[in-house]
Amino acid sequence: MLYCTYVVFIFFYLVLVCCFDHTKCTLLQDALLASIAENEKQTELATRVSTWKQRIEQTLEEQVSVRILNSFANFKIHHSEDSRQAD
């Protein structure tokens, strides 16, 4: 939200400057376009990082679940073997 407010402010400043000085207008337009492009890159990067994070977390959760199930299965096997030896 703050970034949008910043862009709107810059836009109106740009309009005022363009009314008086064409050279500054061009420089400000270039700076504004560069700022918008950088924000798009950051947004794209954040989306990619978020996607990878979700994939990694899901994989880790699956691995933990498998390890828990394997540990439980091993416990049951060893526990049943111990019970048979005790008889």
N, C-alpha and C. Protein backbone atom coordinates (compact mmCIF):
# COMPACT_ATOMS: atom_id res chain seq x y z
N MET A 1 0.83 -1.19 0.00
CA MET A 1 0.00 0.00 0.00
C MET A 1 0.88 1.25 0.00
N LEU A 2 1.93 1.22 0.79
CA LEU A 2 2.83 2.36 0.88
C LEU A 2 3.48 2.63 -0.47
N TYR A 3 3.86 1.56 -1.19
CA TYR A 3 4.48 1.73 -2.49
C TYR A 3 3.52 2.40 -3.47
N CYS A 4 2.24 2.01 -3.43
CA CYS A 4 1.24 2.62 -4.32
C CYS A 4 1.09 4.11 -4.04
N THR A 5 1.09 4.47 -2.76
CA THR A 5 1.01 5.89 -2.39
C THR A 5 2.22 6.64 -2.93
N TYR A 6 3.39 6.01 -2.82
CA TYR A 6 4.63 6.61 -3.32
C TYR A 6 4.54 6.83 -4.83
N VAL A 7 4.05 5.85 -5.56
CA VAL A 7 3.96 5.96 -7.02
C VAL A 7 2.97 7.06 -7.41
N VAL A 8 1.86 7.15 -6.72
CA VAL A 8 0.86 8.20 -7.01
C VAL A 8 1.47 9.57 -6.75
N PHE A 9 2.18 9.70 -5.63
CA PHE A 9 2.83 10.98 -5.32
C PHE A 9 3.82 11.36 -6.41
N ILE A 10 4.65 10.41 -6.80
CA ILE A 10 5.65 10.66 -7.85
C ILE A 10 4.95 11.03 -9.16
N PHE A 11 3.85 10.36 -9.46
CA PHE A 11 3.13 10.65 -10.70
C PHE A 11 2.66 12.11 -10.73
N PHE A 12 2.04 12.55 -9.64
CA PHE A 12 1.55 13.93 -9.60
C PHE A 12 2.70 14.93 -9.62
N TYR A 13 3.79 14.60 -8.96
CA TYR A 13 4.97 15.46 -9.01
C TYR A 13 5.48 15.55 -10.44
N LEU A 14 5.48 14.42 -11.11
CA LEU A 14 5.92 14.35 -12.50
C LEU A 14 5.04 15.23 -13.40
N VAL A 15 3.76 15.20 -13.20
CA VAL A 15 2.83 16.02 -13.98
C VAL A 15 3.13 17.50 -13.77
N LEU A 16 3.33 17.90 -12.52
CA LEU A 16 3.64 19.31 -12.24
C LEU A 16 4.95 19.74 -12.87
N VAL A 17 5.97 18.92 -12.75
CA VAL A 17 7.28 19.27 -13.31
C VAL A 17 7.22 19.34 -14.83
N CYS A 18 6.47 18.40 -15.43
CA CYS A 18 6.37 18.39 -16.90
C CYS A 18 5.73 19.66 -17.44
N CYS A 19 4.91 20.27 -16.64
CA CYS A 19 4.28 21.52 -17.08
C CYS A 19 5.31 22.65 -17.23
N PHE A 20 6.43 22.54 -16.51
CA PHE A 20 7.39 23.65 -16.47
C PHE A 20 8.74 23.34 -17.13
N ASP A 21 9.18 22.08 -17.09
CA ASP A 21 10.53 21.78 -17.57
C ASP A 21 10.53 20.41 -18.26
N HIS A 22 10.67 20.41 -19.58
CA HIS A 22 10.61 19.16 -20.35
C HIS A 22 11.80 18.25 -20.05
N THR A 23 12.98 18.78 -19.82
CA THR A 23 14.17 17.96 -19.53
C THR A 23 13.99 17.20 -18.22
N LYS A 24 13.54 17.89 -17.20
CA LYS A 24 13.29 17.22 -15.92
C LYS A 24 12.18 16.19 -16.07
N CYS A 25 11.23 16.51 -16.90
CA CYS A 25 10.11 15.61 -17.13
C CYS A 25 10.61 14.27 -17.68
N THR A 26 11.48 14.31 -18.65
CA THR A 26 12.03 13.09 -19.25
C THR A 26 12.82 12.29 -18.21
N LEU A 27 13.64 13.00 -17.43
CA LEU A 27 14.43 12.31 -16.40
C LEU A 27 13.52 11.67 -15.35
N LEU A 28 12.50 12.39 -14.95
CA LEU A 28 11.57 11.85 -13.96
C LEU A 28 10.79 10.66 -14.51
N GLN A 29 10.40 10.75 -15.77
CA GLN A 29 9.69 9.62 -16.38
C GLN A 29 10.58 8.38 -16.40
N ASP A 30 11.84 8.56 -16.78
CA ASP A 30 12.78 7.44 -16.80
C ASP A 30 12.96 6.85 -15.41
N ALA A 31 13.09 7.73 -14.41
CA ALA A 31 13.26 7.26 -13.04
C ALA A 31 12.02 6.51 -12.55
N LEU A 32 10.84 7.02 -12.89
CA LEU A 32 9.60 6.38 -12.49
C LEU A 32 9.46 5.01 -13.15
N LEU A 33 9.76 4.94 -14.44
CA LEU A 33 9.68 3.66 -15.14
C LEU A 33 10.68 2.65 -14.58
N ALA A 34 11.88 3.13 -14.24
CA ALA A 34 12.87 2.25 -13.64
C ALA A 34 12.40 1.74 -12.28
N SER A 35 11.78 2.62 -11.51
CA SER A 35 11.26 2.24 -10.20
C SER A 35 10.15 1.19 -10.33
N ILE A 36 9.27 1.39 -11.28
CA ILE A 36 8.19 0.43 -11.51
C ILE A 36 8.75 -0.91 -11.97
N ALA A 37 9.72 -0.88 -12.87
CA ALA A 37 10.34 -2.12 -13.35
C ALA A 37 11.02 -2.87 -12.20
N GLU A 38 11.71 -2.14 -11.33
CA GLU A 38 12.38 -2.76 -10.19
C GLU A 38 11.35 -3.38 -9.25
N ASN A 39 10.24 -2.71 -9.03
CA ASN A 39 9.19 -3.25 -8.17
C ASN A 39 8.62 -4.54 -8.77
N GLU A 40 8.44 -4.55 -10.09
CA GLU A 40 7.94 -5.77 -10.75
C GLU A 40 8.92 -6.92 -10.58
N LYS A 41 10.23 -6.63 -10.70
CA LYS A 41 11.24 -7.67 -10.51
C LYS A 41 11.18 -8.21 -9.09
N GLN A 42 11.08 -7.29 -8.11
CA GLN A 42 11.03 -7.71 -6.71
C GLN A 42 9.77 -8.54 -6.45
N THR A 43 8.65 -8.13 -7.04
CA THR A 43 7.41 -8.88 -6.87
C THR A 43 7.53 -10.27 -7.47
N GLU A 44 8.11 -10.34 -8.66
CA GLU A 44 8.30 -11.64 -9.32
C GLU A 44 9.23 -12.52 -8.50
N LEU A 45 10.31 -11.94 -8.00
CA LEU A 45 11.25 -12.69 -7.18
C LEU A 45 10.58 -13.18 -5.90
N ALA A 46 9.80 -12.32 -5.27
CA ALA A 46 9.11 -12.72 -4.04
C ALA A 46 8.14 -13.86 -4.32
N THR A 47 7.47 -13.82 -5.45
CA THR A 47 6.54 -14.90 -5.82
C THR A 47 7.29 -16.20 -6.03
N ARG A 48 8.42 -16.13 -6.72
CA ARG A 48 9.22 -17.33 -6.96
C ARG A 48 9.75 -17.91 -5.66
N VAL A 49 10.22 -17.05 -4.77
CA VAL A 49 10.74 -17.51 -3.47
C VAL A 49 9.61 -18.16 -2.68
N SER A 50 8.45 -17.55 -2.68
CA SER A 50 7.30 -18.09 -1.95
C SER A 50 6.92 -19.47 -2.49
N THR A 51 6.92 -19.62 -3.81
CA THR A 51 6.58 -20.90 -4.42
C THR A 51 7.58 -21.97 -4.02
N TRP A 52 8.87 -21.64 -4.10
CA TRP A 52 9.91 -22.60 -3.71
C TRP A 52 9.81 -22.94 -2.23
N LYS A 53 9.53 -21.94 -1.41
CA LYS A 53 9.40 -22.17 0.03
C LYS A 53 8.26 -23.16 0.31
N GLN A 54 7.13 -22.97 -0.37
CA GLN A 54 6.00 -23.88 -0.18
C GLN A 54 6.35 -25.29 -0.61
N ARG A 55 7.06 -25.42 -1.73
CA ARG A 55 7.46 -26.75 -2.20
C ARG A 55 8.40 -27.42 -1.20
N ILE A 56 9.37 -26.67 -0.71
CA ILE A 56 10.33 -27.23 0.24
C ILE A 56 9.63 -27.64 1.53
N GLU A 57 8.75 -26.77 2.04
CA GLU A 57 8.04 -27.09 3.28
C GLU A 57 7.18 -28.34 3.11
N GLN A 58 6.51 -28.45 1.96
CA GLN A 58 5.68 -29.62 1.71
C GLN A 58 6.53 -30.88 1.66
N THR A 59 7.68 -30.82 0.98
CA THR A 59 8.57 -31.97 0.89
C THR A 59 9.09 -32.35 2.27
N LEU A 60 9.48 -31.37 3.06
CA LEU A 60 9.96 -31.66 4.41
C LEU A 60 8.88 -32.30 5.27
N GLU A 61 7.65 -31.79 5.17
CA GLU A 61 6.55 -32.38 5.92
C GLU A 61 6.32 -33.83 5.52
N GLU A 62 6.40 -34.11 4.22
CA GLU A 62 6.23 -35.48 3.74
C GLU A 62 7.35 -36.38 4.27
N GLN A 63 8.59 -35.88 4.25
CA GLN A 63 9.72 -36.66 4.75
C GLN A 63 9.58 -36.95 6.24
N VAL A 64 9.14 -35.97 6.99
CA VAL A 64 8.95 -36.16 8.43
C VAL A 64 7.86 -37.20 8.67
N SER A 65 6.77 -37.11 7.92
CA SER A 65 5.68 -38.08 8.06
C SER A 65 6.17 -39.49 7.77
N VAL A 66 6.94 -39.66 6.71
CA VAL A 66 7.47 -40.97 6.36
C VAL A 66 8.40 -41.48 7.46
N ARG A 67 9.25 -40.61 7.99
CA ARG A 67 10.15 -41.04 9.07
C ARG A 67 9.38 -41.44 10.32
N ILE A 68 8.33 -40.70 10.64
CA ILE A 68 7.52 -41.05 11.81
C ILE A 68 6.87 -42.41 11.60
N LEU A 69 6.30 -42.62 10.41
CA LEU A 69 5.66 -43.91 10.12
C LEU A 69 6.67 -45.05 10.16
N ASN A 70 7.86 -44.82 9.60
CA ASN A 70 8.90 -45.85 9.63
C ASN A 70 9.35 -46.15 11.05
N SER A 71 9.51 -45.13 11.86
CA SER A 71 9.90 -45.33 13.26
C SER A 71 8.83 -46.12 14.00
N PHE A 72 7.58 -45.78 13.78
CA PHE A 72 6.49 -46.49 14.43
C PHE A 72 6.45 -47.95 13.98
N ALA A 73 6.62 -48.16 12.69
CA ALA A 73 6.63 -49.54 12.16
C ALA A 73 7.78 -50.33 12.76
N ASN A 74 8.97 -49.74 12.84
CA ASN A 74 10.12 -50.42 13.44
C ASN A 74 9.87 -50.73 14.91
N PHE A 75 9.27 -49.80 15.62
CA PHE A 75 8.94 -50.00 17.03
C PHE A 75 8.00 -51.19 17.19
N LYS A 76 6.95 -51.22 16.34
CA LYS A 76 5.98 -52.31 16.42
C LYS A 76 6.63 -53.65 16.11
N ILE A 77 7.51 -53.67 15.10
CA ILE A 77 8.20 -54.92 14.73
C ILE A 77 9.06 -55.39 15.90
N HIS A 78 9.87 -54.49 16.46
CA HIS A 78 10.77 -54.86 17.56
C HIS A 78 9.96 -55.22 18.80
N HIS A 79 8.89 -54.50 19.05
CA HIS A 79 8.06 -54.77 20.22
C HIS A 79 7.40 -56.14 20.10
N SER A 80 6.92 -56.49 18.89
CA SER A 80 6.28 -57.80 18.70
C SER A 80 7.32 -58.93 18.79
N GLU A 81 8.55 -58.68 18.32
CA GLU A 81 9.62 -59.68 18.44
C GLU A 81 9.98 -59.90 19.90
N ASP A 82 10.04 -58.81 20.67
CA ASP A 82 10.35 -58.92 22.09
C ASP A 82 9.25 -59.70 22.82
N SER A 83 7.99 -59.47 22.43
CA SER A 83 6.88 -60.16 23.06
C SER A 83 6.93 -61.66 22.76
N ARG A 84 7.32 -62.02 21.55
CA ARG A 84 7.43 -63.43 21.18
C ARG A 84 8.57 -64.11 21.93
N GLN A 85 9.69 -63.40 22.11
CA GLN A 85 10.83 -63.99 22.82
C GLN A 85 10.52 -64.17 24.29
N ALA A 86 9.71 -63.29 24.83
CA ALA A 86 9.36 -63.39 26.25
C ALA A 86 8.48 -64.60 26.51
N ASP A 87 7.67 -65.00 25.48
CA ASP A 87 6.78 -66.15 25.65
C ASP A 87 7.59 -67.38 25.56
